[in-house]
Protein backbone atom coordinates (compact mmCIF):
# COMPACT_ATOMS: atom_id res chain seq x y z
CA UNK A 1 5.90 6.38 -27.93
CA UNK A 2 2.93 5.24 -25.89
CA UNK A 3 2.70 5.27 -22.13
CA UNK A 4 2.53 2.29 -19.82
CA UNK A 5 -0.15 1.65 -17.22
CA UNK A 6 0.81 -1.04 -14.72
CA UNK A 7 -2.11 -2.99 -13.31
CA UNK A 8 -1.36 -4.67 -9.98
CA UNK A 9 -3.99 -7.25 -9.09
CA UNK A 10 -4.02 -8.82 -5.65
CA UNK A 11 -6.67 -11.35 -6.62
CA UNK A 12 -6.04 -15.09 -7.01
CA UNK A 13 -8.73 -15.15 -9.70
CA UNK A 14 -7.50 -14.83 -13.26
CA UNK A 15 -9.71 -12.37 -15.11
CA UNK A 16 -11.57 -11.74 -11.85
CA UNK A 17 -13.15 -8.48 -10.78
CA UNK A 18 -9.86 -6.87 -9.75
CA UNK A 19 -8.23 -7.48 -13.11
CA UNK A 20 -11.38 -6.57 -15.05
CA UNK A 21 -11.73 -3.28 -13.21
CA UNK A 22 -8.13 -2.39 -13.98
CA UNK A 23 -8.81 -3.05 -17.67
CA UNK A 24 -11.99 -0.98 -17.52
CA UNK A 25 -9.95 1.96 -16.24
CA UNK A 26 -7.45 1.47 -19.07
CA UNK A 27 -10.26 1.44 -21.65
CA UNK A 28 -11.40 4.84 -20.41
CA UNK A 29 -7.93 6.43 -20.59
CA UNK A 30 -7.99 6.73 -24.37
CA UNK A 31 -5.40 5.83 -26.96
CA UNK A 32 -1.67 5.82 -26.38
CA UNK A 33 -1.65 3.63 -23.27
CA UNK A 34 -0.29 0.10 -23.02
CA UNK A 35 -1.34 -2.15 -20.14
CA UNK A 36 1.08 -4.37 -18.27
CA UNK A 37 -0.46 -6.69 -15.68
CA UNK A 38 0.91 -8.19 -12.51
CA UNK A 39 -1.00 -10.91 -10.65
CA UNK A 40 0.59 -10.85 -7.21
CA UNK A 41 -0.74 -14.22 -5.96
CA UNK A 42 0.93 -15.98 -8.91
CA UNK A 43 4.37 -14.55 -8.19
CA UNK A 44 7.12 -15.85 -5.95
CA UNK A 45 7.21 -13.00 -3.45
CA UNK A 46 8.94 -14.32 -0.34
CA UNK A 47 8.58 -12.83 3.14
CA UNK A 48 10.96 -10.08 4.18
CA UNK A 49 13.85 -11.47 6.27
CA UNK A 50 14.49 -8.18 8.10
CA UNK A 51 18.17 -8.35 7.08
CA UNK A 52 18.29 -4.68 5.97
CA UNK A 53 20.63 -5.47 3.05
CA UNK A 54 18.31 -3.44 0.80
CA UNK A 55 19.19 -0.26 2.70
CA UNK A 56 22.92 -0.33 1.97
CA UNK A 57 25.39 -0.63 -0.91
CA UNK A 58 23.43 -1.53 -4.06
CA UNK A 59 20.14 -1.36 -2.11
CA UNK A 60 18.87 -4.67 -3.40
CA UNK A 61 17.24 -7.57 -1.56
CA UNK A 62 19.44 -10.71 -1.65
CA UNK A 63 16.43 -12.99 -2.15
CA UNK A 64 16.14 -14.30 -5.70
CA UNK A 65 12.42 -14.20 -6.35
CA UNK A 66 9.96 -12.11 -8.38
CA UNK A 67 9.98 -9.02 -6.20
CA UNK A 68 12.72 -7.08 -8.00
CA UNK A 69 11.24 -7.74 -11.44
CA UNK A 70 7.85 -6.53 -10.24
CA UNK A 71 9.32 -3.44 -8.60
CA UNK A 72 11.23 -2.68 -11.81
CA UNK A 73 7.95 -2.80 -13.79
CA UNK A 74 6.47 -0.34 -11.31
CA UNK A 75 9.48 1.97 -11.65
CA UNK A 76 9.22 1.86 -15.45
CA UNK A 77 5.47 2.51 -15.62
CA UNK A 78 4.01 5.95 -16.25
CA UNK A 79 1.05 5.28 -13.93
CA UNK A 80 -0.42 2.38 -11.98
CA UNK A 81 -3.64 0.91 -10.64
CA UNK A 82 -3.75 -1.29 -7.56
CA UNK A 83 -6.85 -3.45 -7.20
CA UNK A 84 -7.47 -5.91 -4.37
CA UNK A 85 -10.41 -8.04 -3.31
CA UNK A 86 -11.51 -7.83 0.29
CA UNK A 87 -10.88 -11.00 2.29
CA UNK A 88 -12.23 -10.98 5.86
CA UNK A 89 -12.51 -7.20 5.99
CA UNK A 90 -9.05 -6.43 4.58
CA UNK A 91 -7.22 -6.65 1.28
CA UNK A 92 -5.97 -10.01 0.04
CA UNK A 93 -2.71 -10.92 1.79
CA UNK A 94 -0.66 -10.90 -1.43
CA UNK A 95 -0.86 -7.09 -1.38
CA UNK A 96 0.59 -6.89 2.12
CA UNK A 97 3.17 -9.54 1.29
CA UNK A 98 4.54 -7.35 -1.49
CA UNK A 99 4.38 -4.23 0.65
CA UNK A 100 6.31 -5.94 3.45
CA UNK A 101 9.33 -5.94 1.13
CA UNK A 102 8.92 -2.22 0.64
CA UNK A 103 12.19 -1.09 2.23
CA UNK A 104 13.63 -1.69 -1.23
CA UNK A 105 11.42 1.15 -2.49
CA UNK A 106 14.09 3.49 -1.10
CA UNK A 107 16.53 2.21 -3.72
CA UNK A 108 14.07 3.25 -6.45
CA UNK A 109 12.69 6.43 -4.95
CA UNK A 110 13.88 8.68 -7.79
CA UNK A 111 11.83 6.60 -10.24
CA UNK A 112 8.84 6.02 -7.98
CA UNK A 113 8.33 9.39 -6.34
CA UNK A 114 5.02 11.08 -7.29
CA UNK A 115 4.11 8.52 -9.95
CA UNK A 116 0.33 8.74 -10.60
CA UNK A 117 -1.51 5.89 -8.92
CA UNK A 118 -5.04 4.93 -7.90
CA UNK A 119 -6.36 2.18 -5.65
CA UNK A 120 -9.51 0.08 -5.78
CA UNK A 121 -10.88 -2.25 -3.11
CA UNK A 122 -13.46 -4.74 -4.34
CA UNK A 123 -15.94 -6.12 -1.83
CA UNK A 124 -18.60 -8.71 -2.39
CA UNK A 125 -21.13 -7.19 0.01
CA UNK A 126 -22.08 -3.52 0.28
CA UNK A 127 -20.57 -2.08 3.45
CA UNK A 128 -18.25 -5.04 4.10
CA UNK A 129 -15.07 -3.51 2.70
CA UNK A 130 -13.41 -3.25 6.14
CA UNK A 131 -9.94 -1.71 5.79
CA UNK A 132 -9.71 -2.57 2.07
CA UNK A 133 -9.82 1.02 0.83
CA UNK A 134 -7.16 2.11 3.29
CA UNK A 135 -5.05 -0.91 2.32
CA UNK A 136 -4.87 0.03 -1.35
CA UNK A 137 -4.27 3.67 -0.44
CA UNK A 138 -1.36 2.60 1.75
CA UNK A 139 0.11 0.62 -1.12
CA UNK A 140 0.19 3.68 -3.39
CA UNK A 141 1.45 6.02 -0.67
CA UNK A 142 4.14 3.69 0.65
CA UNK A 143 5.37 2.89 -2.86
CA UNK A 144 6.05 6.64 -3.14
CA UNK A 145 3.22 7.30 -5.61
CA UNK A 146 0.92 10.27 -6.02
CA UNK A 147 -2.42 8.89 -4.85
CA UNK A 148 -4.83 10.43 -7.34
CA UNK A 149 -7.87 8.62 -5.99
CA UNK A 150 -9.26 5.50 -4.38
CA UNK A 151 -12.63 3.80 -4.23
CA UNK A 152 -14.60 0.82 -3.04
CA UNK A 153 -16.60 -1.05 -5.67
CA UNK A 154 -18.88 -4.00 -5.14
CA UNK A 155 -19.07 -7.28 -7.02
CA UNK A 156 -18.76 -10.86 -5.85
CA UNK A 157 -19.27 -13.01 -8.95
CA UNK A 158 -16.54 -12.90 -11.64
CA UNK A 159 -17.48 -10.05 -13.98
CA UNK A 160 -20.17 -8.66 -11.70
CA UNK A 161 -18.14 -5.54 -11.09
CA UNK A 162 -18.77 -4.51 -14.71
CA UNK A 163 -22.56 -4.70 -14.43
CA UNK A 164 -22.97 -1.69 -12.15
CA UNK A 165 -23.42 1.75 -13.68
CA UNK A 166 -22.06 3.27 -10.47
CA UNK A 167 -18.89 1.19 -10.78
CA UNK A 168 -18.49 2.39 -14.36
CA UNK A 169 -18.68 5.99 -13.21
CA UNK A 170 -15.98 5.28 -10.62
CA UNK A 171 -13.73 3.73 -13.29
CA UNK A 172 -14.23 6.82 -15.45
CA UNK A 173 -13.32 9.17 -12.61
CA UNK A 174 -10.22 7.18 -11.70
CA UNK A 175 -9.10 7.16 -15.34
CA UNK A 176 -9.45 10.93 -15.52
CA UNK A 177 -7.56 11.33 -12.26
CA UNK A 178 -4.62 9.33 -13.62
CA UNK A 179 -4.51 11.54 -16.71
CA UNK A 180 -4.88 14.89 -14.97
CA UNK A 181 -3.86 15.74 -11.37
CA UNK A 182 -6.53 18.44 -11.33
CA UNK A 183 -9.12 15.64 -11.58
CA UNK A 184 -7.94 13.74 -8.53
CA UNK A 185 -10.72 12.22 -6.46
CA UNK A 186 -11.37 13.78 -3.08
CA UNK A 187 -12.95 11.64 -0.35
CA UNK A 188 -16.40 12.56 0.80
CA UNK A 189 -16.42 13.91 4.33
CA UNK A 190 -13.57 14.95 6.63
CA UNK A 191 -9.99 14.12 5.69
CA UNK A 192 -6.53 14.27 7.18
CA UNK A 193 -5.02 17.68 6.32
CA UNK A 194 -1.60 16.05 5.84
CA UNK A 195 -2.27 13.11 3.52
CA UNK A 196 -5.93 13.30 2.54
CA UNK A 197 -6.79 10.00 4.22
CA UNK A 198 -10.28 9.50 5.56
CA UNK A 199 -9.72 6.65 8.04
CA UNK A 200 -9.18 7.66 11.66
CA UNK A 201 -8.79 6.17 15.10
CA UNK A 202 -10.65 8.21 17.71
CA UNK A 203 -8.88 8.45 21.06
CA UNK A 204 -9.79 9.90 24.47
CA UNK A 205 -9.84 13.65 25.14
CA UNK A 206 -10.65 14.61 21.58
CA UNK A 207 -7.51 13.11 20.08
CA UNK A 208 -7.33 11.24 16.79
CA UNK A 209 -4.81 9.36 14.66
CA UNK A 210 -4.85 9.15 10.88
CA UNK A 211 -4.65 5.48 9.92
CA UNK A 212 -3.07 6.26 6.53
CA UNK A 213 -0.11 8.48 7.44
CA UNK A 214 -0.07 7.80 11.24
CA UNK A 215 -0.14 11.51 12.03
CA UNK A 216 -1.95 12.36 15.25
CA UNK A 217 -3.72 15.33 16.73
CA UNK A 218 -7.23 16.41 17.64
CA UNK A 219 -10.71 16.49 16.18
CA UNK A 220 -13.57 18.86 16.78
CA UNK A 221 -17.19 19.21 15.75
CA UNK A 222 -17.80 22.40 13.79
CA UNK A 223 -21.55 22.84 13.37
CA UNK A 224 -22.09 19.14 12.79
CA UNK A 225 -19.00 18.69 10.60
CA UNK A 226 -15.86 16.97 11.87
CA UNK A 227 -12.55 18.76 11.43
CA UNK A 228 -9.11 17.31 12.14
CA UNK A 229 -5.91 19.00 13.21
CA UNK A 230 -3.20 16.42 12.56
CA UNK A 231 0.55 16.74 13.08
CA UNK A 232 3.07 14.52 11.28
CA UNK A 233 4.98 13.25 14.31
CA UNK A 234 8.64 12.26 14.33
CA UNK A 235 8.60 9.65 11.54
CA UNK A 236 6.46 10.68 8.57
CA UNK A 237 7.05 8.16 5.78
CA UNK A 238 5.77 9.75 2.59
CA UNK A 239 4.39 13.25 3.16
CA UNK A 240 7.17 14.87 1.13
CA UNK A 241 10.46 13.86 -0.42
CA UNK A 242 12.37 15.17 2.58
CA UNK A 243 10.45 12.88 4.94
CA UNK A 244 11.38 9.91 2.73
CA UNK A 245 15.07 10.75 2.88
CA UNK A 246 15.01 11.37 6.63
CA UNK A 247 13.31 8.07 7.35
CA UNK A 248 15.82 6.23 5.20
CA UNK A 249 18.64 7.69 7.26
CA UNK A 250 16.85 6.72 10.48
CA UNK A 251 16.52 3.14 9.20
CA UNK A 252 20.20 3.00 8.26
CA UNK A 253 21.08 4.26 11.71
CA UNK A 254 19.48 1.20 13.29
CA UNK A 255 22.59 -0.82 12.48
CA UNK A 256 24.77 1.42 14.61
CA UNK A 257 22.20 1.54 17.41
CA UNK A 258 22.06 -2.25 17.46
CA UNK A 259 25.83 -2.58 17.66
CA UNK A 260 25.95 -0.10 20.53
CA UNK A 261 23.37 -2.04 22.55
CA UNK A 262 24.08 -5.56 21.32
CA UNK A 263 25.24 -6.97 24.67
CA UNK A 264 22.33 -5.42 26.55
CA UNK A 265 19.85 -6.81 24.01
CA UNK A 266 21.41 -10.28 24.03
CA UNK A 267 21.18 -10.40 27.82
CA UNK A 268 17.50 -9.53 27.94
CA UNK A 269 16.65 -12.00 25.16
CA UNK A 270 18.60 -14.97 26.54
CA UNK A 271 16.05 -16.14 29.17
CA UNK A 272 13.40 -16.49 26.46
CA UNK A 273 15.42 -18.69 24.11
CA UNK A 274 14.25 -22.30 23.91
CA UNK A 275 10.77 -21.58 25.26
CA UNK A 276 7.79 -23.20 23.58
CA UNK A 277 7.33 -25.69 20.76
CA UNK A 278 7.72 -24.41 17.21
CA UNK A 279 5.49 -25.71 14.42
CA UNK A 280 7.62 -26.27 11.34
CA UNK A 281 6.76 -27.25 7.77
CA UNK A 282 4.99 -30.57 7.15
CA UNK A 283 3.74 -30.55 10.75
CA UNK A 284 7.18 -31.16 12.22
CA UNK A 285 7.48 -29.98 15.80
CA UNK A 286 10.69 -28.87 17.41
CA UNK A 287 11.94 -27.09 20.49
CA UNK A 288 13.56 -23.71 19.85
């Protein structure tokens, strides 16, 4: 039987650069692979309601939309590619909208853990990718995948992404990385020793925070080359399978912590109820 590559496009353009780049990666993976495509902006993916139902019992979200079907396709795939266009220096919001429902990943962790995945951010202007690369990396990491590589490619007009020889080389490298973990792409320059991320927040007194895994520590300049010493902190989300299980238990424990402090929380919230005017659908205004 053949293997399935799931292409997750966060572009509202049908057959746009995100979708075309996914298909270019597939073409370079050789025979034996079937492509399944998901166009996130076309799906009914509703906002998370923060009800936490997906953490207990059957671990399923009670909302009846397209999220579960999409997550099931991801669980069934042998590998996946996430491609997103950059809108105002970050990935298209449909990618984050799907990821916001990600607590349900814990109900599928046995089928998602360490699945080969790559991420591609597509920007229209060279150097204007903003956080797009980190956004697609976060999607793979937080969906429990094995991030084999990520890249920024450039192309604004539909199909333009296929005209660049450099983009073709990137597609080839990402295809190889999906097929062979030894071929995973390594970022150029300094990386987080915990997760391999290359996006950092620099803080006073030589401290730094990895913006992919949220580990924090220190940086130093070694003969003109930056080096990072990063520690995982108290709530690592995806560094190993144990960290996934521990965070799930912490999340489940929130229910008990809320019940213990419910009266205290209600008292502090009460003075703020009814403040302001809420904008509702169809420009209806109401006091809340």
